[in-house]
Amino acid sequence: MQEVKVTPVVFTGKASEYFGVWIVNLLLSIITLGVYSAWAKVRRKKYFYQHTFIDGVAFDYHASPIAILKGRMLALALFILYSLSGQIAPVLSVVFPLLLTIFLPWIIVRSLTFNARNSSYRGLRFDFNGSIKDAWRYYILLPLLLVFTLGLLYPFIAHGRNRFIMQGHRFGLSQVQSDFSLGSFYKVYLQALAILILVGLTVVGLGSVLLTAAGMHIDFNNPSFIWPLILGYTLSITMAAAFLRSRVLNLVWKGSRIDQISFDSNLSARGLIWLYVTNLLALIFSLGLLAPWAHVRTARYHAERLALVGATDFEQFVGEKKAEVKAAGEEIGEMFDIDVAFG
């Protein structure tokens, strides 16, 4: 029986190296009142792309800082208009969010297309050809039905969104195919909900018992009894989020392939919890100066848990030249905190 080839993803970035990129980006962005942030974004992405290797070859990022700056200027103008809309005319405070919602599918598709077409491996560009119709279905129409299903429709929406994002991507002319099941998504989301409830109740219960044993009467107006609630909420959210993200990413990667290449992902909830907690503590106690260390170790952890399975003969992949995509969609999405990530 022939052994299946497994090719790991390798990240070679170092916190000490990235700190130089990060601090220069930060200082120049401050000095230029944010203008340099477009160049900072390209430098940051280039660093992480060019330190991520498959089979000894790194990825690359090609976006133009000028294109990003133009997109940010448009996004900023829209954000200012949105912020002042209520003062200009009360009706605009309703009209503007409605218009943003209507154009949300376009923003999502343009953002994904911009990032894909400016990413390459072995000189061959990626692409995204997901439809605005599908974006409308999974980001607007179906979420409107959540209230009528008491949230039970959400795993179905998450499943559809992940298929939309994954299957919309191409490497050259080769389309990504995904077949992760809907049932597996429901199982993962129900497990995450159970973790959320059990951990929260356990921490709150233990905290209340300990305070009562110390001779304190239960009084929720007393700050001493608020801390178990805060701790229980924070711990349960962190554990449930780590579990959900690890399981969903594993499902998405393991259920996807491109031509003869499939993927293996073995993220663990325990590993992500440790990553989240230690990164947060490092940021708090360093007043943000350890942000480069947190970014690098996060990228390294995700890379170490991902691998390609199958013969990695990249010479078979071919591509075609694509028209450039303006950065407006991506920057508007970032300005209004529109999330198009897996999960």
C-alpha atoms as a PDB file:
ATOM      1  CA  MET A   1       0.000   0.000   0.000  1.00  0.00           C
ATOM      2  CA  GLN A   2       1.445   3.326  -1.109  1.00  0.00           C
ATOM      3  CA  GLU A   3       2.008   5.826   1.690  1.00  0.00           C
ATOM      4  CA  VAL A   4       0.043   9.061   1.344  1.00  0.00           C
ATOM      5  CA  LYS A   5       2.261  12.133   1.216  1.00  0.00           C
ATOM      6  CA  VAL A   6       1.661  14.704   3.954  1.00  0.00           C
ATOM      7  CA  THR A   7       3.143  18.182   3.453  1.00  0.00           C
ATOM      8  CA  PRO A   8       3.078  20.438   6.520  1.00  0.00           C
ATOM      9  CA  VAL A   9       2.483  24.183   6.442  1.00  0.00           C
ATOM     10  CA  VAL A  10       5.485  25.912   8.020  1.00  0.00           C
ATOM     11  CA  PHE A  11       5.587  29.390   9.551  1.00  0.00           C
ATOM     12  CA  THR A  12       9.080  30.830  10.083  1.00  0.00           C
ATOM     13  CA  GLY A  13       8.231  34.273  11.459  1.00  0.00           C
ATOM     14  CA  LYS A  14       9.881  35.468  14.670  1.00  0.00           C
ATOM     15  CA  ALA A  15       8.503  37.923  17.208  1.00  0.00           C
ATOM     16  CA  SER A  16      11.803  39.825  17.327  1.00  0.00           C
ATOM     17  CA  GLU A  17      11.720  40.335  13.535  1.00  0.00           C
ATOM     18  CA  TYR A  18       8.055  41.222  13.349  1.00  0.00           C
ATOM     19  CA  PHE A  19       8.392  43.702  16.227  1.00  0.00           C
ATOM     20  CA  GLY A  20      10.472  45.924  13.925  1.00  0.00           C
ATOM     21  CA  VAL A  21       7.757  45.840  11.253  1.00  0.00           C
ATOM     22  CA  TRP A  22       5.012  46.404  13.810  1.00  0.00           C
ATOM     23  CA  ILE A  23       6.612  49.326  15.661  1.00  0.00           C
ATOM     24  CA  VAL A  24       7.534  51.168  12.435  1.00  0.00           C
ATOM     25  CA  ASN A  25       3.995  50.643  11.117  1.00  0.00           C
ATOM     26  CA  LEU A  26       2.536  51.955  14.370  1.00  0.00           C
ATOM     27  CA  LEU A  27       4.769  55.049  14.621  1.00  0.00           C
ATOM     28  CA  LEU A  28       4.424  56.060  10.972  1.00  0.00           C
ATOM     29  CA  SER A  29       0.640  55.547  11.096  1.00  0.00           C
ATOM     30  CA  ILE A  30       0.472  57.872  14.113  1.00  0.00           C
ATOM     31  CA  ILE A  31       2.801  60.492  12.598  1.00  0.00           C
ATOM     32  CA  THR A  32       0.870  60.536   9.298  1.00  0.00           C
ATOM     33  CA  LEU A  33      -2.522  60.594  11.063  1.00  0.00           C
ATOM     34  CA  GLY A  34      -3.396  57.186   9.673  1.00  0.00           C
ATOM     35  CA  VAL A  35      -2.365  57.732   6.046  1.00  0.00           C
ATOM     36  CA  TYR A  36       0.527  55.271   6.332  1.00  0.00           C
ATOM     37  CA  SER A  37      -1.831  52.583   7.688  1.00  0.00           C
ATOM     38  CA  ALA A  38      -2.470  51.426   4.106  1.00  0.00           C
ATOM     39  CA  TRP A  39       1.268  50.743   3.626  1.00  0.00           C
ATOM     40  CA  ALA A  40       1.357  49.239   7.128  1.00  0.00           C
ATOM     41  CA  LYS A  41      -1.354  46.775   6.180  1.00  0.00           C
ATOM     42  CA  VAL A  42       0.554  45.636   3.080  1.00  0.00           C
ATOM     43  CA  ARG A  43       3.833  45.307   5.032  1.00  0.00           C
ATOM     44  CA  ARG A  44       2.084  43.291   7.755  1.00  0.00           C
ATOM     45  CA  LYS A  45       0.397  40.936   5.314  1.00  0.00           C
ATOM     46  CA  LYS A  46       3.561  40.522   3.271  1.00  0.00           C
ATOM     47  CA  TYR A  47       5.486  39.540   6.397  1.00  0.00           C
ATOM     48  CA  PHE A  48       3.051  36.787   7.356  1.00  0.00           C
ATOM     49  CA  TYR A  49       2.569  35.581   3.765  1.00  0.00           C
ATOM     50  CA  GLN A  50       6.302  35.495   3.002  1.00  0.00           C
ATOM     51  CA  HIS A  51       7.024  33.547   6.187  1.00  0.00           C
ATOM     52  CA  THR A  52       4.397  30.873   5.479  1.00  0.00           C
ATOM     53  CA  PHE A  53       5.819  27.981   3.460  1.00  0.00           C
ATOM     54  CA  ILE A  54       4.518  24.868   1.711  1.00  0.00           C
ATOM     55  CA  ASP A  55       7.114  22.532   0.241  1.00  0.00           C
ATOM     56  CA  GLY A  56       9.822  25.140   0.828  1.00  0.00           C
ATOM     57  CA  VAL A  57       8.040  27.891  -1.128  1.00  0.00           C
ATOM     58  CA  ALA A  58       6.393  30.903   0.525  1.00  0.00           C
ATOM     59  CA  PHE A  59       3.171  32.732  -0.272  1.00  0.00           C
ATOM     60  CA  ASP A  60       3.162  36.381  -1.364  1.00  0.00           C
ATOM     61  CA  TYR A  61       0.819  39.370  -1.127  1.00  0.00           C
ATOM     62  CA  HIS A  62       0.541  41.923  -3.935  1.00  0.00           C
ATOM     63  CA  ALA A  63      -2.040  44.557  -2.953  1.00  0.00           C
ATOM     64  CA  SER A  64      -1.247  48.187  -3.759  1.00  0.00           C
ATOM     65  CA  PRO A  65      -1.129  50.526  -0.720  1.00  0.00           C
ATOM     66  CA  ILE A  66      -2.595  53.291  -2.889  1.00  0.00           C
ATOM     67  CA  ALA A  67      -5.617  51.112  -3.728  1.00  0.00           C
ATOM     68  CA  ILE A  68      -6.106  50.331  -0.039  1.00  0.00           C
ATOM     69  CA  LEU A  69      -5.745  54.025   0.889  1.00  0.00           C
ATOM     70  CA  LYS A  70      -8.416  55.007  -1.643  1.00  0.00           C
ATOM     71  CA  GLY A  71     -10.702  52.310  -0.273  1.00  0.00           C
ATOM     72  CA  ARG A  72     -10.100  53.526   3.291  1.00  0.00           C
ATOM     73  CA  MET A  73     -10.849  57.125   2.334  1.00  0.00           C
ATOM     74  CA  LEU A  74     -14.180  56.037   0.882  1.00  0.00           C
ATOM     75  CA  ALA A  75     -14.904  53.847   3.918  1.00  0.00           C
ATOM     76  CA  LEU A  76     -14.017  56.720   6.280  1.00  0.00           C
ATOM     77  CA  ALA A  77     -16.265  59.128   4.371  1.00  0.00           C
ATOM     78  CA  LEU A  78     -19.155  56.670   4.644  1.00  0.00           C
ATOM     79  CA  PHE A  79     -18.468  56.132   8.349  1.00  0.00           C
ATOM     80  CA  ILE A  80     -18.468  59.891   9.025  1.00  0.00           C
ATOM     81  CA  LEU A  81     -21.685  60.253   7.052  1.00  0.00           C
ATOM     82  CA  TYR A  82     -23.201  57.421   9.066  1.00  0.00           C
ATOM     83  CA  SER A  83     -22.067  58.973  12.376  1.00  0.00           C
ATOM     84  CA  LEU A  84     -23.545  62.368  11.458  1.00  0.00           C
ATOM     85  CA  SER A  85     -26.621  61.062   9.668  1.00  0.00           C
ATOM     86  CA  GLY A  86     -28.878  61.434  12.700  1.00  0.00           C
ATOM     87  CA  GLN A  87     -27.875  65.091  13.111  1.00  0.00           C
ATOM     88  CA  ILE A  88     -28.225  65.925   9.406  1.00  0.00           C
ATOM     89  CA  ALA A  89     -31.677  64.373   9.115  1.00  0.00           C
ATOM     90  CA  PRO A  90     -33.266  61.860  11.519  1.00  0.00           C
ATOM     91  CA  VAL A  91     -34.510  59.732   8.629  1.00  0.00           C
ATOM     92  CA  LEU A  92     -30.900  59.141   7.504  1.00  0.00           C
ATOM     93  CA  SER A  93     -30.148  57.257  10.723  1.00  0.00           C
ATOM     94  CA  VAL A  94     -32.591  54.629   9.443  1.00  0.00           C
ATOM     95  CA  VAL A  95     -31.838  54.876   5.723  1.00  0.00           C
ATOM     96  CA  PHE A  96     -28.053  54.558   6.048  1.00  0.00           C
ATOM     97  CA  PRO A  97     -28.017  51.215   7.961  1.00  0.00           C
ATOM     98  CA  LEU A  98     -30.621  49.935   5.514  1.00  0.00           C
ATOM     99  CA  LEU A  99     -28.428  50.850   2.542  1.00  0.00           C
ATOM    100  CA  LEU A 100     -25.412  49.246   4.232  1.00  0.00           C
ATOM    101  CA  THR A 101     -27.434  46.056   4.721  1.00  0.00           C
ATOM    102  CA  ILE A 102     -28.525  46.050   1.076  1.00  0.00           C
ATOM    103  CA  PHE A 103     -24.936  46.445  -0.136  1.00  0.00           C
ATOM    104  CA  LEU A 104     -23.474  44.025   2.436  1.00  0.00           C
ATOM    105  CA  PRO A 105     -23.389  41.026   0.038  1.00  0.00           C
ATOM    106  CA  TRP A 106     -21.506  43.120  -2.535  1.00  0.00           C
ATOM    107  CA  ILE A 107     -19.040  44.288   0.136  1.00  0.00           C
ATOM    108  CA  ILE A 108     -18.405  40.708   1.259  1.00  0.00           C
ATOM    109  CA  VAL A 109     -17.825  39.363  -2.257  1.00  0.00           C
ATOM    110  CA  ARG A 110     -15.574  42.282  -3.225  1.00  0.00           C
ATOM    111  CA  SER A 111     -13.557  41.907  -0.021  1.00  0.00           C
ATOM    112  CA  LEU A 112     -12.990  38.181  -0.561  1.00  0.00           C
ATOM    113  CA  THR A 113     -12.149  38.750  -4.238  1.00  0.00           C
ATOM    114  CA  PHE A 114      -9.664  41.531  -3.430  1.00  0.00           C
ATOM    115  CA  ASN A 115      -7.804  39.416  -0.873  1.00  0.00           C
ATOM    116  CA  ALA A 116      -7.770  36.326  -3.080  1.00  0.00           C
ATOM    117  CA  ARG A 117      -6.538  38.053  -6.244  1.00  0.00           C
ATOM    118  CA  ASN A 118      -3.750  39.765  -4.323  1.00  0.00           C
ATOM    119  CA  SER A 119      -2.526  36.468  -2.841  1.00  0.00           C
ATOM    120  CA  SER A 120      -0.228  34.083  -4.687  1.00  0.00           C
ATOM    121  CA  TYR A 121       1.777  30.893  -4.338  1.00  0.00           C
ATOM    122  CA  ARG A 122       4.568  29.885  -6.739  1.00  0.00           C
ATOM    123  CA  GLY A 123       3.677  32.934  -8.837  1.00  0.00           C
ATOM    124  CA  LEU A 124       0.087  31.747  -9.374  1.00  0.00           C
ATOM    125  CA  ARG A 125      -2.730  33.937  -8.081  1.00  0.00           C
ATOM    126  CA  PHE A 126      -5.757  32.862  -6.088  1.00  0.00           C
ATOM    127  CA  ASP A 127      -9.248  34.040  -7.004  1.00  0.00           C
ATOM    128  CA  PHE A 128     -12.763  34.181  -5.556  1.00  0.00           C
ATOM    129  CA  ASN A 129     -15.873  33.742  -7.710  1.00  0.00           C
ATOM    130  CA  GLY A 130     -18.623  33.329  -5.118  1.00  0.00           C
ATOM    131  CA  SER A 131     -21.881  34.989  -6.121  1.00  0.00           C
ATOM    132  CA  ILE A 132     -23.587  38.009  -4.563  1.00  0.00           C
ATOM    133  CA  LYS A 133     -26.777  35.925  -4.622  1.00  0.00           C
ATOM    134  CA  ASP A 134     -25.261  33.343  -2.257  1.00  0.00           C
ATOM    135  CA  ALA A 135     -23.836  36.087  -0.044  1.00  0.00           C
ATOM    136  CA  TRP A 136     -27.299  37.623   0.140  1.00  0.00           C
ATOM    137  CA  ARG A 137     -28.801  34.264   1.157  1.00  0.00           C
ATOM    138  CA  TYR A 138     -26.327  33.452   3.941  1.00  0.00           C
ATOM    139  CA  TYR A 139     -25.650  36.938   5.329  1.00  0.00           C
ATOM    140  CA  ILE A 140     -29.035  38.693   4.949  1.00  0.00           C
ATOM    141  CA  LEU A 141     -32.017  36.459   4.185  1.00  0.00           C
ATOM    142  CA  LEU A 142     -31.412  33.434   6.410  1.00  0.00           C
ATOM    143  CA  PRO A 143     -30.237  35.467   9.467  1.00  0.00           C
ATOM    144  CA  LEU A 144     -33.611  37.261   9.370  1.00  0.00           C
ATOM    145  CA  LEU A 145     -35.227  33.891  10.122  1.00  0.00           C
ATOM    146  CA  LEU A 146     -33.153  33.241  13.249  1.00  0.00           C
ATOM    147  CA  VAL A 147     -35.648  34.902  15.571  1.00  0.00           C
ATOM    148  CA  PHE A 148     -38.432  32.647  14.256  1.00  0.00           C
ATOM    149  CA  THR A 149     -36.368  29.486  14.817  1.00  0.00           C
ATOM    150  CA  LEU A 150     -35.066  30.433  18.281  1.00  0.00           C
ATOM    151  CA  GLY A 151     -31.514  30.343  16.890  1.00  0.00           C
ATOM    152  CA  LEU A 152     -31.768  26.711  15.728  1.00  0.00           C
ATOM    153  CA  LEU A 153     -31.108  27.793  12.154  1.00  0.00           C
ATOM    154  CA  TYR A 154     -27.662  29.223  12.975  1.00  0.00           C
ATOM    155  CA  PRO A 155     -25.605  26.024  12.402  1.00  0.00           C
ATOM    156  CA  PHE A 156     -27.294  25.749   8.997  1.00  0.00           C
ATOM    157  CA  ILE A 157     -26.271  29.355   8.229  1.00  0.00           C
ATOM    158  CA  ALA A 158     -22.712  28.770   9.482  1.00  0.00           C
ATOM    159  CA  HIS A 159     -22.462  25.649   7.324  1.00  0.00           C
ATOM    160  CA  GLY A 160     -23.644  27.578   4.269  1.00  0.00           C
ATOM    161  CA  ARG A 161     -21.322  30.516   4.911  1.00  0.00           C
ATOM    162  CA  ASN A 162     -18.271  28.293   5.227  1.00  0.00           C
ATOM    163  CA  ARG A 163     -19.134  26.428   2.024  1.00  0.00           C
ATOM    164  CA  PHE A 164     -19.717  29.763   0.278  1.00  0.00           C
ATOM    165  CA  ILE A 165     -16.299  31.088   1.353  1.00  0.00           C
ATOM    166  CA  MET A 166     -14.349  27.877   0.765  1.00  0.00           C
ATOM    167  CA  GLN A 167     -15.912  26.792  -2.530  1.00  0.00           C
ATOM    168  CA  GLY A 168     -15.748  30.309  -3.910  1.00  0.00           C
ATOM    169  CA  HIS A 169     -11.949  30.208  -3.874  1.00  0.00           C
ATOM    170  CA  ARG A 170      -9.745  29.056  -6.723  1.00  0.00           C
ATOM    171  CA  PHE A 171      -6.028  28.509  -7.127  1.00  0.00           C
ATOM    172  CA  GLY A 172      -5.351  29.428 -10.708  1.00  0.00           C
ATOM    173  CA  LEU A 173      -8.134  27.687 -12.629  1.00  0.00           C
ATOM    174  CA  SER A 174      -8.652  24.944 -10.024  1.00  0.00           C
ATOM    175  CA  GLN A 175     -11.764  25.341  -7.878  1.00  0.00           C
ATOM    176  CA  VAL A 176     -11.842  24.365  -4.210  1.00  0.00           C
ATOM    177  CA  GLN A 177     -14.406  21.633  -3.464  1.00  0.00           C
ATOM    178  CA  SER A 178     -16.013  21.143  -0.034  1.00  0.00           C
ATOM    179  CA  ASP A 179     -18.182  18.343   1.320  1.00  0.00           C
ATOM    180  CA  PHE A 180     -18.311  18.838   5.108  1.00  0.00           C
ATOM    181  CA  SER A 181     -21.713  17.735   6.362  1.00  0.00           C
ATOM    182  CA  LEU A 182     -24.511  19.813   7.870  1.00  0.00           C
ATOM    183  CA  GLY A 183     -24.994  17.244  10.646  1.00  0.00           C
ATOM    184  CA  SER A 184     -21.412  17.716  11.820  1.00  0.00           C
ATOM    185  CA  PHE A 185     -22.005  21.463  12.171  1.00  0.00           C
ATOM    186  CA  TYR A 186     -25.113  20.942  14.289  1.00  0.00           C
ATOM    187  CA  LYS A 187     -23.220  18.493  16.492  1.00  0.00           C
ATOM    188  CA  VAL A 188     -20.364  20.956  17.060  1.00  0.00           C
ATOM    189  CA  TYR A 189     -22.661  23.887  17.832  1.00  0.00           C
ATOM    190  CA  LEU A 190     -24.733  21.846  20.281  1.00  0.00           C
ATOM    191  CA  GLN A 191     -21.553  20.701  22.029  1.00  0.00           C
ATOM    192  CA  ALA A 192     -20.335  24.314  22.259  1.00  0.00           C
ATOM    193  CA  LEU A 193     -23.689  25.352  23.747  1.00  0.00           C
ATOM    194  CA  ALA A 194     -23.430  22.577  26.336  1.00  0.00           C
ATOM    195  CA  ILE A 195     -19.913  23.727  27.278  1.00  0.00           C
ATOM    196  CA  LEU A 196     -21.130  27.317  27.580  1.00  0.00           C
ATOM    197  CA  ILE A 197     -23.921  26.358  29.972  1.00  0.00           C
ATOM    198  CA  LEU A 198     -22.084  23.739  32.049  1.00  0.00           C
ATOM    199  CA  VAL A 199     -18.876  25.738  32.577  1.00  0.00           C
ATOM    200  CA  GLY A 200     -20.776  28.912  33.391  1.00  0.00           C
ATOM    201  CA  LEU A 201     -23.052  27.220  35.918  1.00  0.00           C
ATOM    202  CA  THR A 202     -20.142  25.289  37.482  1.00  0.00           C
ATOM    203  CA  VAL A 203     -17.975  28.377  38.034  1.00  0.00           C
ATOM    204  CA  VAL A 204     -20.850  30.466  39.358  1.00  0.00           C
ATOM    205  CA  GLY A 205     -21.985  27.626  41.629  1.00  0.00           C
ATOM    206  CA  LEU A 206     -18.511  26.986  43.053  1.00  0.00           C
ATOM    207  CA  GLY A 207     -17.931  30.697  43.577  1.00  0.00           C
ATOM    208  CA  SER A 208     -21.210  31.076  45.427  1.00  0.00           C
ATOM    209  CA  VAL A 209     -20.497  28.031  47.612  1.00  0.00           C
ATOM    210  CA  LEU A 210     -17.045  29.322  48.548  1.00  0.00           C
ATOM    211  CA  LEU A 211     -18.357  32.779  49.414  1.00  0.00           C
ATOM    212  CA  THR A 212     -21.183  31.283  51.455  1.00  0.00           C
ATOM    213  CA  ALA A 213     -18.717  29.001  53.257  1.00  0.00           C
ATOM    214  CA  ALA A 214     -16.731  32.098  54.119  1.00  0.00           C
ATOM    215  CA  GLY A 215     -19.762  33.351  56.027  1.00  0.00           C
ATOM    216  CA  MET A 216     -21.077  35.758  53.418  1.00  0.00           C
ATOM    217  CA  HIS A 217     -24.791  35.871  52.695  1.00  0.00           C
ATOM    218  CA  ILE A 218     -25.847  35.697  49.056  1.00  0.00           C
ATOM    219  CA  ASP A 219     -26.487  39.260  47.952  1.00  0.00           C
ATOM    220  CA  PHE A 220     -26.129  40.108  44.289  1.00  0.00           C
ATOM    221  CA  ASN A 221     -25.818  43.786  45.161  1.00  0.00           C
ATOM    222  CA  ASN A 222     -22.552  42.857  46.881  1.00  0.00           C
ATOM    223  CA  PRO A 223     -19.563  43.141  44.497  1.00  0.00           C
ATOM    224  CA  SER A 224     -18.123  39.940  46.030  1.00  0.00           C
ATOM    225  CA  PHE A 225     -20.933  37.989  44.401  1.00  0.00           C
ATOM    226  CA  ILE A 226     -20.574  39.737  41.047  1.00  0.00           C
ATOM    227  CA  TRP A 227     -17.065  38.371  40.461  1.00  0.00           C
ATOM    228  CA  PRO A 228     -18.146  34.706  40.245  1.00  0.00           C
ATOM    229  CA  LEU A 229     -20.687  35.763  37.625  1.00  0.00           C
ATOM    230  CA  ILE A 230     -18.108  37.687  35.600  1.00  0.00           C
ATOM    231  CA  LEU A 231     -15.566  34.869  35.904  1.00  0.00           C
ATOM    232  CA  GLY A 232     -18.135  32.239  34.961  1.00  0.00           C
ATOM    233  CA  TYR A 233     -19.299  34.241  31.950  1.00  0.00           C
ATOM    234  CA  THR A 234     -15.752  34.949  30.711  1.00  0.00           C
ATOM    235  CA  LEU A 235     -14.495  31.399  31.206  1.00  0.00           C
ATOM    236  CA  SER A 236     -17.528  29.780  29.608  1.00  0.00           C
ATOM    237  CA  ILE A 237     -17.421  32.121  26.592  1.00  0.00           C
ATOM    238  CA  THR A 238     -13.682  31.529  26.114  1.00  0.00           C
ATOM    239  CA  MET A 239     -13.943  27.743  26.354  1.00  0.00           C
ATOM    240  CA  ALA A 240     -17.005  27.535  24.109  1.00  0.00           C
ATOM    241  CA  ALA A 241     -15.452  29.880  21.524  1.00  0.00           C
ATOM    242  CA  ALA A 242     -12.169  27.937  21.480  1.00  0.00           C
ATOM    243  CA  PHE A 243     -13.992  24.625  21.138  1.00  0.00           C
ATOM    244  CA  LEU A 244     -16.232  25.971  18.372  1.00  0.00           C
ATOM    245  CA  ARG A 245     -13.425  27.579  16.371  1.00  0.00           C
ATOM    246  CA  SER A 246     -11.152  24.543  16.581  1.00  0.00           C
ATOM    247  CA  ARG A 247     -13.875  22.086  15.578  1.00  0.00           C
ATOM    248  CA  VAL A 248     -15.306  24.248  12.775  1.00  0.00           C
ATOM    249  CA  LEU A 249     -11.901  24.937  11.214  1.00  0.00           C
ATOM    250  CA  ASN A 250     -11.053  21.236  11.412  1.00  0.00           C
ATOM    251  CA  LEU A 251     -14.326  20.349   9.695  1.00  0.00           C
ATOM    252  CA  VAL A 252     -13.860  22.968   6.976  1.00  0.00           C
ATOM    253  CA  TRP A 253     -10.263  22.046   6.135  1.00  0.00           C
ATOM    254  CA  LYS A 254     -10.704  18.274   6.364  1.00  0.00           C
ATOM    255  CA  GLY A 255     -13.821  18.484   4.218  1.00  0.00           C
ATOM    256  CA  SER A 256     -12.162  20.492   1.431  1.00  0.00           C
ATOM    257  CA  ARG A 257      -9.822  19.687  -1.427  1.00  0.00           C
ATOM    258  CA  ILE A 258      -8.366  21.251  -4.544  1.00  0.00           C
ATOM    259  CA  ASP A 259      -7.828  18.805  -7.396  1.00  0.00           C
ATOM    260  CA  GLN A 260      -5.872  15.857  -5.927  1.00  0.00           C
ATOM    261  CA  ILE A 261      -4.825  17.742  -2.776  1.00  0.00           C
ATOM    262  CA  SER A 262      -6.874  17.499   0.410  1.00  0.00           C
ATOM    263  CA  PHE A 263      -6.169  19.015   3.820  1.00  0.00           C
ATOM    264  CA  ASP A 264      -5.670  17.877   7.378  1.00  0.00           C
ATOM    265  CA  SER A 265      -6.284  20.152  10.370  1.00  0.00           C
ATOM    266  CA  ASN A 266      -5.907  19.169  14.018  1.00  0.00           C
ATOM    267  CA  LEU A 267      -6.594  22.321  16.018  1.00  0.00           C
ATOM    268  CA  SER A 268      -7.481  21.609  19.647  1.00  0.00           C
ATOM    269  CA  ALA A 269      -9.771  23.532  21.977  1.00  0.00           C
ATOM    270  CA  ARG A 270      -7.214  23.202  24.771  1.00  0.00           C
ATOM    271  CA  GLY A 271      -4.476  24.659  22.583  1.00  0.00           C
ATOM    272  CA  LEU A 272      -6.629  27.607  21.510  1.00  0.00           C
ATOM    273  CA  ILE A 273      -7.716  28.334  25.092  1.00  0.00           C
ATOM    274  CA  TRP A 274      -4.068  28.432  26.193  1.00  0.00           C
ATOM    275  CA  LEU A 275      -3.261  30.648  23.198  1.00  0.00           C
ATOM    276  CA  TYR A 276      -6.131  33.080  23.891  1.00  0.00           C
ATOM    277  CA  VAL A 277      -5.476  33.357  27.630  1.00  0.00           C
ATOM    278  CA  THR A 278      -1.703  33.768  27.435  1.00  0.00           C
ATOM    279  CA  ASN A 279      -1.957  36.259  24.555  1.00  0.00           C
ATOM    280  CA  LEU A 280      -4.486  38.318  26.517  1.00  0.00           C
ATOM    281  CA  LEU A 281      -2.371  38.324  29.684  1.00  0.00           C
ATOM    282  CA  ALA A 282       0.726  39.269  27.685  1.00  0.00           C
ATOM    283  CA  LEU A 283      -1.073  42.184  26.054  1.00  0.00           C
ATOM    284  CA  ILE A 284      -2.467  43.428  29.378  1.00  0.00           C
ATOM    285  CA  PHE A 285       0.786  43.274  31.353  1.00  0.00           C
ATOM    286  CA  SER A 286       2.923  44.661  28.512  1.00  0.00           C
ATOM    287  CA  LEU A 287       0.441  47.468  27.743  1.00  0.00           C
ATOM    288  CA  GLY A 288       0.166  46.134  24.197  1.00  0.00           C
ATOM    289  CA  LEU A 289       3.902  45.944  23.440  1.00  0.00           C
ATOM    290  CA  LEU A 290       3.783  42.148  23.158  1.00  0.00           C
ATOM    291  CA  ALA A 291       1.203  42.319  20.355  1.00  0.00           C
ATOM    292  CA  PRO A 292       3.820  41.182  17.765  1.00  0.00           C
ATOM    293  CA  TRP A 293       4.646  38.150  19.934  1.00  0.00           C
ATOM    294  CA  ALA A 294       0.930  37.299  20.183  1.00  0.00           C
ATOM    295  CA  HIS A 295       0.420  37.664  16.408  1.00  0.00           C
ATOM    296  CA  VAL A 296       3.439  35.518  15.536  1.00  0.00           C
ATOM    297  CA  ARG A 297       2.654  32.684  17.950  1.00  0.00           C
ATOM    298  CA  THR A 298      -0.976  32.644  16.747  1.00  0.00           C
ATOM    299  CA  ALA A 299       0.136  32.344  13.117  1.00  0.00           C
ATOM    300  CA  ARG A 300       2.664  29.650  14.037  1.00  0.00           C
ATOM    301  CA  TYR A 301       0.096  27.629  15.996  1.00  0.00           C
ATOM    302  CA  HIS A 302      -2.410  27.628  13.130  1.00  0.00           C
ATOM    303  CA  ALA A 303       0.281  26.739  10.578  1.00  0.00           C
ATOM    304  CA  GLU A 304       1.636  23.866  12.685  1.00  0.00           C
ATOM    305  CA  ARG A 305      -1.830  22.327  12.857  1.00  0.00           C
ATOM    306  CA  LEU A 306      -2.463  22.389   9.096  1.00  0.00           C
ATOM    307  CA  ALA A 307      -1.062  20.115   6.382  1.00  0.00           C
ATOM    308  CA  LEU A 308      -1.662  19.162   2.758  1.00  0.00           C
ATOM    309  CA  VAL A 309      -2.451  15.517   2.002  1.00  0.00           C
ATOM    310  CA  GLY A 310      -1.643  14.020  -1.388  1.00  0.00           C
ATOM    311  CA  ALA A 311       0.871  14.560  -4.180  1.00  0.00           C
ATOM    312  CA  THR A 312       1.768  18.253  -4.207  1.00  0.00           C
ATOM    313  CA  ASP A 313       2.576  18.553  -7.901  1.00  0.00           C
ATOM    314  CA  PHE A 314       2.014  22.279  -8.276  1.00  0.00           C
ATOM    315  CA  GLU A 315       3.244  22.287 -11.868  1.00  0.00           C
ATOM    316  CA  GLN A 316      -0.181  20.992 -12.938  1.00  0.00           C
ATOM    317  CA  PHE A 317      -1.943  24.136 -11.768  1.00  0.00           C
ATOM    318  CA  VAL A 318      -2.461  26.828 -14.387  1.00  0.00           C
ATOM    319  CA  GLY A 319      -3.940  30.298 -14.146  1.00  0.00           C
ATOM    320  CA  GLU A 320      -5.202  33.241 -16.122  1.00  0.00           C
ATOM    321  CA  LYS A 321      -4.821  36.989 -15.686  1.00  0.00           C
ATOM    322  CA  LYS A 322      -7.639  38.617 -13.724  1.00  0.00           C
ATOM    323  CA  ALA A 323      -8.720  42.236 -13.676  1.00  0.00           C
ATOM    324  CA  GLU A 324      -7.665  44.181 -10.605  1.00  0.00           C
ATOM    325  CA  VAL A 325     -10.280  44.618  -7.900  1.00  0.00           C
ATOM    326  CA  LYS A 326     -10.631  47.863  -5.987  1.00  0.00           C
ATOM    327  CA  ALA A 327     -10.109  47.716  -2.224  1.00  0.00           C
ATOM    328  CA  ALA A 328     -13.268  49.647  -1.351  1.00  0.00           C
ATOM    329  CA  GLY A 329     -15.269  46.542  -0.448  1.00  0.00           C
ATOM    330  CA  GLU A 330     -12.627  45.215   1.937  1.00  0.00           C
ATOM    331  CA  GLU A 331     -12.021  48.561   3.648  1.00  0.00           C
ATOM    332  CA  ILE A 332     -15.740  49.296   4.057  1.00  0.00           C
ATOM    333  CA  GLY A 333     -16.116  45.844   5.568  1.00  0.00           C
ATOM    334  CA  GLU A 334     -13.305  46.532   8.047  1.00  0.00           C
ATOM    335  CA  MET A 335     -14.607  50.015   8.918  1.00  0.00           C
ATOM    336  CA  PHE A 336     -18.059  48.661   9.804  1.00  0.00           C
ATOM    337  CA  ASP A 337     -16.666  45.493  11.450  1.00  0.00           C
ATOM    338  CA  ILE A 338     -18.115  43.063   8.913  1.00  0.00           C
ATOM    339  CA  ASP A 339     -16.752  39.580   9.604  1.00  0.00           C
ATOM    340  CA  VAL A 340     -16.317  37.173   6.682  1.00  0.00           C
ATOM    341  CA  ALA A 341     -14.039  34.666   8.403  1.00  0.00           C
ATOM    342  CA  PHE A 342     -14.626  30.933   8.866  1.00  0.00           C
ATOM    343  CA  GLY A 343     -16.797  29.911  11.810  1.00  0.00           C
END
